[in-house]
Protein backbone atom coordinates (compact mmCIF):
# COMPACT_ATOMS: atom_id res chain seq x y z
CA MET A 1 22.02 1.52 33.63
CA LYS A 2 20.63 0.85 30.24
CA ALA A 3 17.36 2.49 29.33
CA LYS A 4 14.83 0.03 28.30
CA VAL A 5 13.63 0.06 24.58
CA ARG A 6 9.67 -0.11 23.79
CA ASP A 7 7.75 -2.45 21.98
CA LEU A 8 6.61 -0.52 18.94
CA GLU A 9 2.81 0.29 18.12
CA PRO A 10 1.16 -1.35 15.49
CA HIS A 11 0.55 2.24 13.81
CA GLU A 12 4.48 3.14 14.39
CA LEU A 13 5.25 -0.53 12.48
CA ARG A 14 3.41 0.17 9.78
CA MET A 15 4.43 3.90 8.87
CA MET A 16 7.65 2.04 8.91
CA ASP A 17 6.89 -0.01 6.11
CA GLU A 18 4.87 2.86 4.81
CA GLN A 19 7.65 4.63 3.76
CA SER A 20 9.62 2.13 3.08
CA GLU A 21 7.16 0.97 0.23
CA LEU A 22 7.55 4.46 -0.99
CA CYS A 23 10.96 4.51 -1.20
CA GLU A 24 11.71 1.77 -3.34
CA LYS A 25 8.75 3.14 -5.34
CA ILE A 26 10.93 6.57 -5.14
CA ILE A 27 13.78 4.85 -6.32
CA LYS A 28 12.23 3.05 -9.22
CA LEU A 29 10.19 6.84 -10.73
CA ALA A 30 13.52 8.50 -10.08
CA ASP A 31 15.42 5.87 -12.47
CA PHE A 32 12.25 6.13 -15.21
CA THR A 33 12.23 10.04 -15.04
CA SER A 34 16.06 10.52 -15.02
CA LYS A 35 16.44 9.19 -19.28
CA PRO A 36 14.71 10.97 -22.40
CA LYS A 37 11.22 11.33 -21.55
CA PRO A 38 9.11 8.23 -23.59
CA SER A 39 7.85 9.03 -27.09
CA PHE A 40 4.12 7.81 -25.68
CA ILE A 41 4.30 10.70 -22.99
CA ASP A 42 3.39 14.24 -23.81
CA ASP A 43 4.56 16.92 -21.91
CA ASP A 44 2.07 16.97 -19.32
CA GLN A 45 3.02 14.51 -18.25
CA TRP A 46 6.13 13.79 -18.45
CA PHE A 47 6.09 17.34 -16.24
CA LEU A 48 2.73 15.78 -13.43
CA LEU A 49 5.47 12.60 -13.16
CA ASN A 50 8.10 15.14 -11.62
CA MET A 51 5.94 16.54 -9.78
CA GLN A 52 4.76 13.39 -8.07
CA LEU A 53 8.42 12.32 -7.36
CA SER A 54 9.31 15.73 -6.05
CA ALA A 55 5.62 15.22 -3.86
CA MET A 56 6.31 11.55 -2.78
CA ALA A 57 9.82 12.94 -2.00
CA MET A 58 8.39 15.61 0.43
CA TYR A 59 6.13 12.92 1.64
CA ARG A 60 9.06 10.86 2.62
CA ASP A 61 11.25 13.09 4.41
CA ILE A 62 8.17 13.95 6.47
CA LEU A 63 6.96 10.03 6.97
CA ALA A 64 11.19 10.02 8.83
CA LYS A 65 10.47 12.94 11.24
CA ARG A 66 7.66 11.26 12.29
CA ILE A 67 9.05 8.22 12.94
CA ASN A 68 11.47 9.96 14.75
CA THR A 69 10.10 11.44 17.50
CA PHE A 70 9.55 7.65 18.58
CA LEU A 71 12.43 5.85 17.53
């Protein structure tokens, strides 16, 4: 007998959408920061962009763990 698959709740679907959008942003920011620092960005802002990328990746991983609890 197969287990019944339940419909996802609206908040669960929103969480999955949020993770998907976040992944797209991470890819774009990672691509940008993998290149040499542009002259129009100072060292402090460049450092903050890299910290932001790290925080976004951590948030993505947290969302993934939360999503796995209901899939």
